[in-house]
Amino acid sequence: MDDKDLKAQVRYYCRGKLCHAMQSAALDGLCKYPGDAIFGMYNGLSLVLGHHILKGIRELEPLQSECDVVLGTIQALMFVHGRYTVLDREALAQLDS
């Protein structure tokens, strides 16, 4: 299975709200294509959607400097910081700017 098929599979699981299957497919993509930052973003997003908030943030934060996934990563981090009030508002303001 090539990277396009794996990405389509991850997006399919995301639309179906199948977080565990999404994470499994994203990790499979990370193993097969370790240099592809999109699979890292999908992994972080699947962790966030699966209510593993801190793990998801740890996966997403280093990807803010990757040009391929910067917009998606920032949107995912804004979603996390905006939805879960336990996390700080300062980080949300920084991401918004």
PDB file of N, CA and C in Angstrom:
ATOM      1  N   MET A   1       0.854  -1.173   0.000  1.00  0.00           N
ATOM      2  CA  MET A   1       0.000   0.000   0.000  1.00  0.00           C
ATOM      3  C   MET A   1       0.900   1.237   0.000  1.00  0.00           C
ATOM      4  N   ASP A   2       0.652   2.155  -0.918  1.00  0.00           N
ATOM      5  CA  ASP A   2       1.491   3.351  -0.981  1.00  0.00           C
ATOM      6  C   ASP A   2       0.961   4.428  -0.027  1.00  0.00           C
ATOM      7  N   ASP A   3       1.682   5.549   0.030  1.00  0.00           N
ATOM      8  CA  ASP A   3       1.345   6.576   1.019  1.00  0.00           C
ATOM      9  C   ASP A   3      -0.010   7.223   0.748  1.00  0.00           C
ATOM     10  N   LYS A   4      -0.410   7.350  -0.507  1.00  0.00           N
ATOM     11  CA  LYS A   4      -1.718   7.944  -0.818  1.00  0.00           C
ATOM     12  C   LYS A   4      -2.853   7.074  -0.312  1.00  0.00           C
ATOM     13  N   ASP A   5      -2.699   5.762  -0.453  1.00  0.00           N
ATOM     14  CA  ASP A   5      -3.724   4.845   0.046  1.00  0.00           C
ATOM     15  C   ASP A   5      -3.817   4.899   1.571  1.00  0.00           C
ATOM     16  N   LEU A   6      -2.657   4.953   2.225  1.00  0.00           N
ATOM     17  CA  LEU A   6      -2.664   5.039   3.687  1.00  0.00           C
ATOM     18  C   LEU A   6      -3.286   6.345   4.173  1.00  0.00           C
ATOM     19  N   LYS A   7      -2.984   7.451   3.502  1.00  0.00           N
ATOM     20  CA  LYS A   7      -3.575   8.736   3.881  1.00  0.00           C
ATOM     21  C   LYS A   7      -5.081   8.729   3.672  1.00  0.00           C
ATOM     22  N   ALA A   8      -5.532   8.117   2.588  1.00  0.00           N
ATOM     23  CA  ALA A   8      -6.975   8.010   2.343  1.00  0.00           C
ATOM     24  C   ALA A   8      -7.634   7.152   3.409  1.00  0.00           C
ATOM     25  N   GLN A   9      -6.965   6.105   3.825  1.00  0.00           N
ATOM     26  CA  GLN A   9      -7.497   5.236   4.867  1.00  0.00           C
ATOM     27  C   GLN A   9      -7.603   5.987   6.195  1.00  0.00           C
ATOM     28  N   VAL A  10      -6.594   6.781   6.531  1.00  0.00           N
ATOM     29  CA  VAL A  10      -6.618   7.561   7.763  1.00  0.00           C
ATOM     30  C   VAL A  10      -7.759   8.569   7.727  1.00  0.00           C
ATOM     31  N   ARG A  11      -7.928   9.256   6.600  1.00  0.00           N
ATOM     32  CA  ARG A  11      -9.019  10.227   6.478  1.00  0.00           C
ATOM     33  C   ARG A  11     -10.387   9.547   6.565  1.00  0.00           C
ATOM     34  N   TYR A  12     -10.504   8.357   6.013  1.00  0.00           N
ATOM     35  CA  TYR A  12     -11.753   7.598   6.098  1.00  0.00           C
ATOM     36  C   TYR A  12     -12.088   7.292   7.558  1.00  0.00           C
ATOM     37  N   TYR A  13     -11.106   6.826   8.301  1.00  0.00           N
ATOM     38  CA  TYR A  13     -11.332   6.528   9.712  1.00  0.00           C
ATOM     39  C   TYR A  13     -11.652   7.796  10.502  1.00  0.00           C
ATOM     40  N   CYS A  14     -11.042   8.915  10.126  1.00  0.00           N
ATOM     41  CA  CYS A  14     -11.303  10.177  10.812  1.00  0.00           C
ATOM     42  C   CYS A  14     -12.747  10.614  10.590  1.00  0.00           C
ATOM     43  N   ARG A  15     -13.210  10.528   9.357  1.00  0.00           N
ATOM     44  CA  ARG A  15     -14.601  10.906   9.071  1.00  0.00           C
ATOM     45  C   ARG A  15     -15.589  10.005   9.785  1.00  0.00           C
ATOM     46  N   GLY A  16     -15.230   8.755   9.961  1.00  0.00           N
ATOM     47  CA  GLY A  16     -16.092   7.807  10.657  1.00  0.00           C
ATOM     48  C   GLY A  16     -15.957   7.860  12.165  1.00  0.00           C
ATOM     49  N   LYS A  17     -15.111   8.755  12.659  1.00  0.00           N
ATOM     50  CA  LYS A  17     -14.856   8.931  14.098  1.00  0.00           C
ATOM     51  C   LYS A  17     -14.351   7.635  14.737  1.00  0.00           C
ATOM     52  N   LEU A  18     -13.510   6.928  14.003  1.00  0.00           N
ATOM     53  CA  LEU A  18     -12.890   5.703  14.486  1.00  0.00           C
ATOM     54  C   LEU A  18     -11.453   6.030  14.891  1.00  0.00           C
ATOM     55  N   CYS A  19     -11.310   6.612  16.070  1.00  0.00           N
ATOM     56  CA  CYS A  19     -10.033   7.181  16.499  1.00  0.00           C
ATOM     57  C   CYS A  19      -8.942   6.132  16.641  1.00  0.00           C
ATOM     58  N   HIS A  20      -9.296   4.969  17.187  1.00  0.00           N
ATOM     59  CA  HIS A  20      -8.278   3.944  17.382  1.00  0.00           C
ATOM     60  C   HIS A  20      -7.774   3.404  16.038  1.00  0.00           C
ATOM     61  N   ALA A  21      -8.688   3.170  15.113  1.00  0.00           N
ATOM     62  CA  ALA A  21      -8.290   2.697  13.785  1.00  0.00           C
ATOM     63  C   ALA A  21      -7.496   3.773  13.051  1.00  0.00           C
ATOM     64  N   MET A  22      -7.874   5.037  13.252  1.00  0.00           N
ATOM     65  CA  MET A  22      -7.151   6.149  12.649  1.00  0.00           C
ATOM     66  C   MET A  22      -5.716   6.199  13.164  1.00  0.00           C
ATOM     67  N   GLN A  23      -5.557   6.037  14.471  1.00  0.00           N
ATOM     68  CA  GLN A  23      -4.219   6.063  15.048  1.00  0.00           C
ATOM     69  C   GLN A  23      -3.401   4.873  14.556  1.00  0.00           C
ATOM     70  N   SER A  24      -4.016   3.727  14.465  1.00  0.00           N
ATOM     71  CA  SER A  24      -3.303   2.541  13.995  1.00  0.00           C
ATOM     72  C   SER A  24      -2.813   2.725  12.558  1.00  0.00           C
ATOM     73  N   ALA A  25      -3.660   3.276  11.703  1.00  0.00           N
ATOM     74  CA  ALA A  25      -3.261   3.515  10.314  1.00  0.00           C
ATOM     75  C   ALA A  25      -2.186   4.601  10.229  1.00  0.00           C
ATOM     76  N   ALA A  26      -2.303   5.641  11.073  1.00  0.00           N
ATOM     77  CA  ALA A  26      -1.289   6.708  11.076  1.00  0.00           C
ATOM     78  C   ALA A  26       0.055   6.174  11.550  1.00  0.00           C
ATOM     79  N   LEU A  27       0.051   5.329  12.565  1.00  0.00           N
ATOM     80  CA  LEU A  27       1.305   4.740  13.039  1.00  0.00           C
ATOM     81  C   LEU A  27       1.905   3.804  11.992  1.00  0.00           C
ATOM     82  N   ASP A  28       1.049   3.097  11.266  1.00  0.00           N
ATOM     83  CA  ASP A  28       1.530   2.257  10.177  1.00  0.00           C
ATOM     84  C   ASP A  28       2.194   3.119   9.102  1.00  0.00           C
ATOM     85  N   GLY A  29       1.590   4.264   8.809  1.00  0.00           N
ATOM     86  CA  GLY A  29       2.188   5.186   7.848  1.00  0.00           C
ATOM     87  C   GLY A  29       3.501   5.756   8.337  1.00  0.00           C
ATOM     88  N   LEU A  30       3.581   6.053   9.639  1.00  0.00           N
ATOM     89  CA  LEU A  30       4.837   6.557  10.210  1.00  0.00           C
ATOM     90  C   LEU A  30       5.946   5.512  10.127  1.00  0.00           C
ATOM     91  N   CYS A  31       5.587   4.240  10.312  1.00  0.00           N
ATOM     92  CA  CYS A  31       6.593   3.177  10.220  1.00  0.00           C
ATOM     93  C   CYS A  31       7.090   3.008   8.779  1.00  0.00           C
ATOM     94  N   LYS A  32       6.165   3.076   7.822  1.00  0.00           N
ATOM     95  CA  LYS A  32       6.549   2.867   6.422  1.00  0.00           C
ATOM     96  C   LYS A  32       7.202   4.102   5.807  1.00  0.00           C
ATOM     97  N   TYR A  33       6.750   5.297   6.223  1.00  0.00           N
ATOM     98  CA  TYR A  33       7.258   6.555   5.660  1.00  0.00           C
ATOM     99  C   TYR A  33       7.638   7.488   6.814  1.00  0.00           C
ATOM    100  N   PRO A  34       8.782   7.261   7.448  1.00  0.00           N
ATOM    101  CA  PRO A  34       9.132   8.037   8.647  1.00  0.00           C
ATOM    102  C   PRO A  34       9.379   9.519   8.392  1.00  0.00           C
ATOM    103  N   GLY A  35       9.684   9.911   7.178  1.00  0.00           N
ATOM    104  CA  GLY A  35       9.939  11.317   6.897  1.00  0.00           C
ATOM    105  C   GLY A  35       8.694  12.121   6.564  1.00  0.00           C
ATOM    106  N   ASP A  36       7.543  11.481   6.507  1.00  0.00           N
ATOM    107  CA  ASP A  36       6.305  12.145   6.110  1.00  0.00           C
ATOM    108  C   ASP A  36       5.613  12.733   7.345  1.00  0.00           C
ATOM    109  N   ALA A  37       5.597  14.058   7.430  1.00  0.00           N
ATOM    110  CA  ALA A  37       5.035  14.745   8.591  1.00  0.00           C
ATOM    111  C   ALA A  37       3.517  14.648   8.649  1.00  0.00           C
ATOM    112  N   ILE A  38       2.882  14.348   7.545  1.00  0.00           N
ATOM    113  CA  ILE A  38       1.420  14.256   7.538  1.00  0.00           C
ATOM    114  C   ILE A  38       0.944  13.111   8.416  1.00  0.00           C
ATOM    115  N   PHE A  39       1.656  12.001   8.398  1.00  0.00           N
ATOM    116  CA  PHE A  39       1.275  10.888   9.264  1.00  0.00           C
ATOM    117  C   PHE A  39       1.476  11.245  10.736  1.00  0.00           C
ATOM    118  N   GLY A  40       2.480  12.056  11.037  1.00  0.00           N
ATOM    119  CA  GLY A  40       2.668  12.534  12.409  1.00  0.00           C
ATOM    120  C   GLY A  40       1.521  13.415  12.852  1.00  0.00           C
ATOM    121  N   MET A  41       1.034  14.281  11.944  1.00  0.00           N
ATOM    122  CA  MET A  41      -0.109  15.128  12.279  1.00  0.00           C
ATOM    123  C   MET A  41      -1.361  14.272  12.479  1.00  0.00           C
ATOM    124  N   TYR A  42      -1.556  13.289  11.611  1.00  0.00           N
ATOM    125  CA  TYR A  42      -2.707  12.398  11.768  1.00  0.00           C
ATOM    126  C   TYR A  42      -2.640  11.629  13.084  1.00  0.00           C
ATOM    127  N   ASN A  43      -1.447  11.218  13.472  1.00  0.00           N
ATOM    128  CA  ASN A  43      -1.294  10.513  14.739  1.00  0.00           C
ATOM    129  C   ASN A  43      -1.658  11.423  15.909  1.00  0.00           C
ATOM    130  N   GLY A  44      -1.152  12.645  15.907  1.00  0.00           N
ATOM    131  CA  GLY A  44      -1.482  13.589  16.969  1.00  0.00           C
ATOM    132  C   GLY A  44      -2.965  13.901  17.011  1.00  0.00           C
ATOM    133  N   LEU A  45      -3.569  14.078  15.849  1.00  0.00           N
ATOM    134  CA  LEU A  45      -4.998  14.360  15.782  1.00  0.00           C
ATOM    135  C   LEU A  45      -5.821  13.180  16.288  1.00  0.00           C
ATOM    136  N   SER A  46      -5.402  11.969  15.959  1.00  0.00           N
ATOM    137  CA  SER A  46      -6.138  10.803  16.440  1.00  0.00           C
ATOM    138  C   SER A  46      -6.038  10.670  17.954  1.00  0.00           C
ATOM    139  N   LEU A  47      -4.896  11.029  18.513  1.00  0.00           N
ATOM    140  CA  LEU A  47      -4.759  11.007  19.976  1.00  0.00           C
ATOM    141  C   LEU A  47      -5.677  12.031  20.622  1.00  0.00           C
ATOM    142  N   VAL A  48      -5.752  13.223  20.037  1.00  0.00           N
ATOM    143  CA  VAL A  48      -6.623  14.272  20.584  1.00  0.00           C
ATOM    144  C   VAL A  48      -8.081  13.849  20.493  1.00  0.00           C
ATOM    145  N   LEU A  49      -8.488  13.337  19.341  1.00  0.00           N
ATOM    146  CA  LEU A  49      -9.871  12.922  19.169  1.00  0.00           C
ATOM    147  C   LEU A  49     -10.214  11.715  20.034  1.00  0.00           C
ATOM    148  N   GLY A  50      -9.221  10.938  20.388  1.00  0.00           N
ATOM    149  CA  GLY A  50      -9.417   9.796  21.273  1.00  0.00           C
ATOM    150  C   GLY A  50      -9.273  10.147  22.744  1.00  0.00           C
ATOM    151  N   HIS A  51      -9.254  11.437  23.067  1.00  0.00           N
ATOM    152  CA  HIS A  51      -9.195  11.973  24.435  1.00  0.00           C
ATOM    153  C   HIS A  51      -7.879  11.689  25.150  1.00  0.00           C
ATOM    154  N   HIS A  52      -6.799  11.549  24.389  1.00  0.00           N
ATOM    155  CA  HIS A  52      -5.453  11.484  24.949  1.00  0.00           C
ATOM    156  C   HIS A  52      -4.805  12.843  24.658  1.00  0.00           C
ATOM    157  N   ILE A  53      -5.278  13.847  25.395  1.00  0.00           N
ATOM    158  CA  ILE A  53      -5.002  15.239  25.067  1.00  0.00           C
ATOM    159  C   ILE A  53      -3.512  15.562  25.141  1.00  0.00           C
ATOM    160  N   LEU A  54      -2.884  15.265  26.257  1.00  0.00           N
ATOM    161  CA  LEU A  54      -1.480  15.639  26.435  1.00  0.00           C
ATOM    162  C   LEU A  54      -0.559  14.904  25.468  1.00  0.00           C
ATOM    163  N   LYS A  55      -0.845  13.641  25.210  1.00  0.00           N
ATOM    164  CA  LYS A  55      -0.051  12.897  24.230  1.00  0.00           C
ATOM    165  C   LYS A  55      -0.211  13.511  22.840  1.00  0.00           C
ATOM    166  N   GLY A  56      -1.438  13.894  22.515  1.00  0.00           N
ATOM    167  CA  GLY A  56      -1.691  14.513  21.220  1.00  0.00           C
ATOM    168  C   GLY A  56      -0.976  15.839  21.060  1.00  0.00           C
ATOM    169  N   ILE A  57      -0.979  16.643  22.118  1.00  0.00           N
ATOM    170  CA  ILE A  57      -0.281  17.932  22.071  1.00  0.00           C
ATOM    171  C   ILE A  57       1.214  17.714  21.906  1.00  0.00           C
ATOM    172  N   ARG A  58       1.756  16.733  22.611  1.00  0.00           N
ATOM    173  CA  ARG A  58       3.192  16.445  22.477  1.00  0.00           C
ATOM    174  C   ARG A  58       3.539  15.997  21.063  1.00  0.00           C
ATOM    175  N   GLU A  59       2.622  15.318  20.392  1.00  0.00           N
ATOM    176  CA  GLU A  59       2.881  14.905  19.010  1.00  0.00           C
ATOM    177  C   GLU A  59       2.738  16.071  18.036  1.00  0.00           C
ATOM    178  N   LEU A  60       1.809  16.987  18.317  1.00  0.00           N
ATOM    179  CA  LEU A  60       1.513  18.060  17.371  1.00  0.00           C
ATOM    180  C   LEU A  60       2.464  19.249  17.472  1.00  0.00           C
ATOM    181  N   GLU A  61       2.908  19.576  18.671  1.00  0.00           N
ATOM    182  CA  GLU A  61       3.719  20.790  18.843  1.00  0.00           C
ATOM    183  C   GLU A  61       4.999  20.809  18.014  1.00  0.00           C
ATOM    184  N   PRO A  62       5.765  19.729  17.924  1.00  0.00           N
ATOM    185  CA  PRO A  62       6.981  19.806  17.088  1.00  0.00           C
ATOM    186  C   PRO A  62       6.687  19.965  15.594  1.00  0.00           C
ATOM    187  N   LEU A  63       5.478  19.665  15.169  1.00  0.00           N
ATOM    188  CA  LEU A  63       5.137  19.729  13.757  1.00  0.00           C
ATOM    189  C   LEU A  63       4.764  21.132  13.296  1.00  0.00           C
ATOM    190  N   GLN A  64       4.755  22.100  14.207  1.00  0.00           N
ATOM    191  CA  GLN A  64       4.418  23.467  13.834  1.00  0.00           C
ATOM    192  C   GLN A  64       5.451  24.079  12.893  1.00  0.00           C
ATOM    193  N   SER A  65       6.642  23.552  12.881  1.00  0.00           N
ATOM    194  CA  SER A  65       7.689  24.099  12.010  1.00  0.00           C
ATOM    195  C   SER A  65       7.760  23.389  10.654  1.00  0.00           C
ATOM    196  N   GLU A  66       6.994  22.324  10.471  1.00  0.00           N
ATOM    197  CA  GLU A  66       6.977  21.596   9.197  1.00  0.00           C
ATOM    198  C   GLU A  66       6.072  22.325   8.213  1.00  0.00           C
ATOM    199  N   CYS A  67       6.612  22.711   7.066  1.00  0.00           N
ATOM    200  CA  CYS A  67       5.847  23.533   6.119  1.00  0.00           C
ATOM    201  C   CYS A  67       4.668  22.777   5.507  1.00  0.00           C
ATOM    202  N   ASP A  68       4.730  21.458   5.427  1.00  0.00           N
ATOM    203  CA  ASP A  68       3.642  20.691   4.814  1.00  0.00           C
ATOM    204  C   ASP A  68       2.388  20.635   5.686  1.00  0.00           C
ATOM    205  N   VAL A  69       2.561  20.696   6.993  1.00  0.00           N
ATOM    206  CA  VAL A  69       1.427  20.475   7.897  1.00  0.00           C
ATOM    207  C   VAL A  69       1.225  21.614   8.893  1.00  0.00           C
ATOM    208  N   VAL A  70       1.821  22.767   8.647  1.00  0.00           N
ATOM    209  CA  VAL A  70       1.775  23.840   9.642  1.00  0.00           C
ATOM    210  C   VAL A  70       0.340  24.309   9.883  1.00  0.00           C
ATOM    211  N   LEU A  71      -0.454  24.486   8.844  1.00  0.00           N
ATOM    212  CA  LEU A  71      -1.813  24.984   9.016  1.00  0.00           C
ATOM    213  C   LEU A  71      -2.699  23.970   9.737  1.00  0.00           C
ATOM    214  N   GLY A  72      -2.636  22.726   9.314  1.00  0.00           N
ATOM    215  CA  GLY A  72      -3.428  21.684   9.970  1.00  0.00           C
ATOM    216  C   GLY A  72      -3.034  21.470  11.419  1.00  0.00           C
ATOM    217  N   THR A  73      -1.746  21.564  11.687  1.00  0.00           N
ATOM    218  CA  THR A  73      -1.263  21.398  13.061  1.00  0.00           C
ATOM    219  C   THR A  73      -1.739  22.532  13.945  1.00  0.00           C
ATOM    220  N   ILE A  74      -1.661  23.753  13.452  1.00  0.00           N
ATOM    221  CA  ILE A  74      -2.110  24.892  14.251  1.00  0.00           C
ATOM    222  C   ILE A  74      -3.610  24.814  14.484  1.00  0.00           C
ATOM    223  N   GLN A  75      -4.376  24.410  13.484  1.00  0.00           N
ATOM    224  CA  GLN A  75      -5.812  24.275  13.672  1.00  0.00           C
ATOM    225  C   GLN A  75      -6.140  23.183  14.684  1.00  0.00           C
ATOM    226  N   ALA A  76      -5.415  22.086  14.634  1.00  0.00           N
ATOM    227  CA  ALA A  76      -5.641  21.016  15.609  1.00  0.00           C
ATOM    228  C   ALA A  76      -5.303  21.479  17.024  1.00  0.00           C
ATOM    229  N   LEU A  77      -4.200  22.208  17.172  1.00  0.00           N
ATOM    230  CA  LEU A  77      -3.832  22.719  18.496  1.00  0.00           C
ATOM    231  C   LEU A  77      -4.833  23.759  18.992  1.00  0.00           C
ATOM    232  N   MET A  78      -5.349  24.601  18.092  1.00  0.00           N
ATOM    233  CA  MET A  78      -6.372  25.567  18.487  1.00  0.00           C
ATOM    234  C   MET A  78      -7.648  24.849  18.926  1.00  0.00           C
ATOM    235  N   PHE A  79      -7.993  23.773  18.240  1.00  0.00           N
ATOM    236  CA  PHE A  79      -9.152  22.971  18.622  1.00  0.00           C
ATOM    237  C   PHE A  79      -8.977  22.412  20.024  1.00  0.00           C
ATOM    238  N   VAL A  80      -7.804  21.873  20.291  1.00  0.00           N
ATOM    239  CA  VAL A  80      -7.540  21.280  21.608  1.00  0.00           C
ATOM    240  C   VAL A  80      -7.597  22.340  22.697  1.00  0.00           C
ATOM    241  N   HIS A  81      -6.886  23.435  22.493  1.00  0.00           N
ATOM    242  CA  HIS A  81      -6.820  24.455  23.532  1.00  0.00           C
ATOM    243  C   HIS A  81      -8.155  25.177  23.695  1.00  0.00           C
ATOM    244  N   GLY A  82      -8.954  25.269  22.656  1.00  0.00           N
ATOM    245  CA  GLY A  82     -10.245  25.919  22.751  1.00  0.00           C
ATOM    246  C   GLY A  82     -11.316  25.036  23.355  1.00  0.00           C
ATOM    247  N   ARG A  83     -11.231  23.762  23.110  1.00  0.00           N
ATOM    248  CA  ARG A  83     -12.270  22.837  23.572  1.00  0.00           C
ATOM    249  C   ARG A  83     -12.076  22.389  25.010  1.00  0.00           C
ATOM    250  N   TYR A  84     -10.861  22.196  25.410  1.00  0.00           N
ATOM    251  CA  TYR A  84     -10.580  21.688  26.742  1.00  0.00           C
ATOM    252  C   TYR A  84     -10.084  22.835  27.605  1.00  0.00           C
ATOM    253  N   THR A  85     -10.902  23.262  28.541  1.00  0.00           N
ATOM    254  CA  THR A  85     -10.622  24.447  29.349  1.00  0.00           C
ATOM    255  C   THR A  85      -9.542  24.207  30.393  1.00  0.00           C
ATOM    256  N   VAL A  86      -9.144  22.968  30.584  1.00  0.00           N
ATOM    257  CA  VAL A  86      -8.087  22.670  31.544  1.00  0.00           C
ATOM    258  C   VAL A  86      -6.763  23.272  31.071  1.00  0.00           C
ATOM    259  N   LEU A  87      -6.590  23.356  29.767  1.00  0.00           N
ATOM    260  CA  LEU A  87      -5.351  23.862  29.203  1.00  0.00           C
ATOM    261  C   LEU A  87      -5.364  25.383  29.201  1.00  0.00           C
ATOM    262  N   ASP A  88      -4.213  25.984  29.084  1.00  0.00           N
ATOM    263  CA  ASP A  88      -4.093  27.431  29.268  1.00  0.00           C
ATOM    264  C   ASP A  88      -4.559  28.231  28.066  1.00  0.00           C
ATOM    265  N   ARG A  89      -5.119  29.396  28.360  1.00  0.00           N
ATOM    266  CA  ARG A  89      -5.624  30.306  27.328  1.00  0.00           C
ATOM    267  C   ARG A  89      -4.493  31.073  26.643  1.00  0.00           C
ATOM    268  N   GLU A  90      -3.363  31.194  27.320  1.00  0.00           N
ATOM    269  CA  GLU A  90      -2.220  31.892  26.731  1.00  0.00           C
ATOM    270  C   GLU A  90      -1.737  31.171  25.475  1.00  0.00           C
ATOM    271  N   ALA A  91      -1.716  29.853  25.516  1.00  0.00           N
ATOM    272  CA  ALA A  91      -1.301  29.065  24.356  1.00  0.00           C
ATOM    273  C   ALA A  91      -2.291  29.256  23.203  1.00  0.00           C
ATOM    274  N   LEU A  92      -3.576  29.347  23.512  1.00  0.00           N
ATOM    275  CA  LEU A  92      -4.583  29.566  22.476  1.00  0.00           C
ATOM    276  C   LEU A  92      -4.391  30.939  21.827  1.00  0.00           C
ATOM    277  N   ALA A  93      -4.138  31.963  22.631  1.00  0.00           N
ATOM    278  CA  ALA A  93      -3.914  33.302  22.085  1.00  0.00           C
ATOM    279  C   ALA A  93      -2.670  33.347  21.207  1.00  0.00           C
ATOM    280  N   GLN A  94      -1.622  32.647  21.618  1.00  0.00           N
ATOM    281  CA  GLN A  94      -0.395  32.593  20.836  1.00  0.00           C
ATOM    282  C   GLN A  94      -0.634  31.890  19.494  1.00  0.00           C
ATOM    283  N   LEU A  95      -1.385  30.807  19.491  1.00  0.00           N
ATOM    284  CA  LEU A  95      -1.671  30.101  18.253  1.00  0.00           C
ATOM    285  C   LEU A  95      -2.582  30.927  17.344  1.00  0.00           C
ATOM    286  N   ASP A  96      -3.509  31.656  17.942  1.00  0.00           N
ATOM    287  CA  ASP A  96      -4.431  32.480  17.167  1.00  0.00           C
ATOM    288  C   ASP A  96      -3.708  33.605  16.452  1.00  0.00           C
ATOM    289  N   SER A  97      -2.681  34.138  17.108  1.00  0.00           N
ATOM    290  CA  SER A  97      -1.938  35.230  16.479  1.00  0.00           C
ATOM    291  C   SER A  97      -1.020  34.679  15.403  1.00  0.00           C
TER     292      SER A  97
END
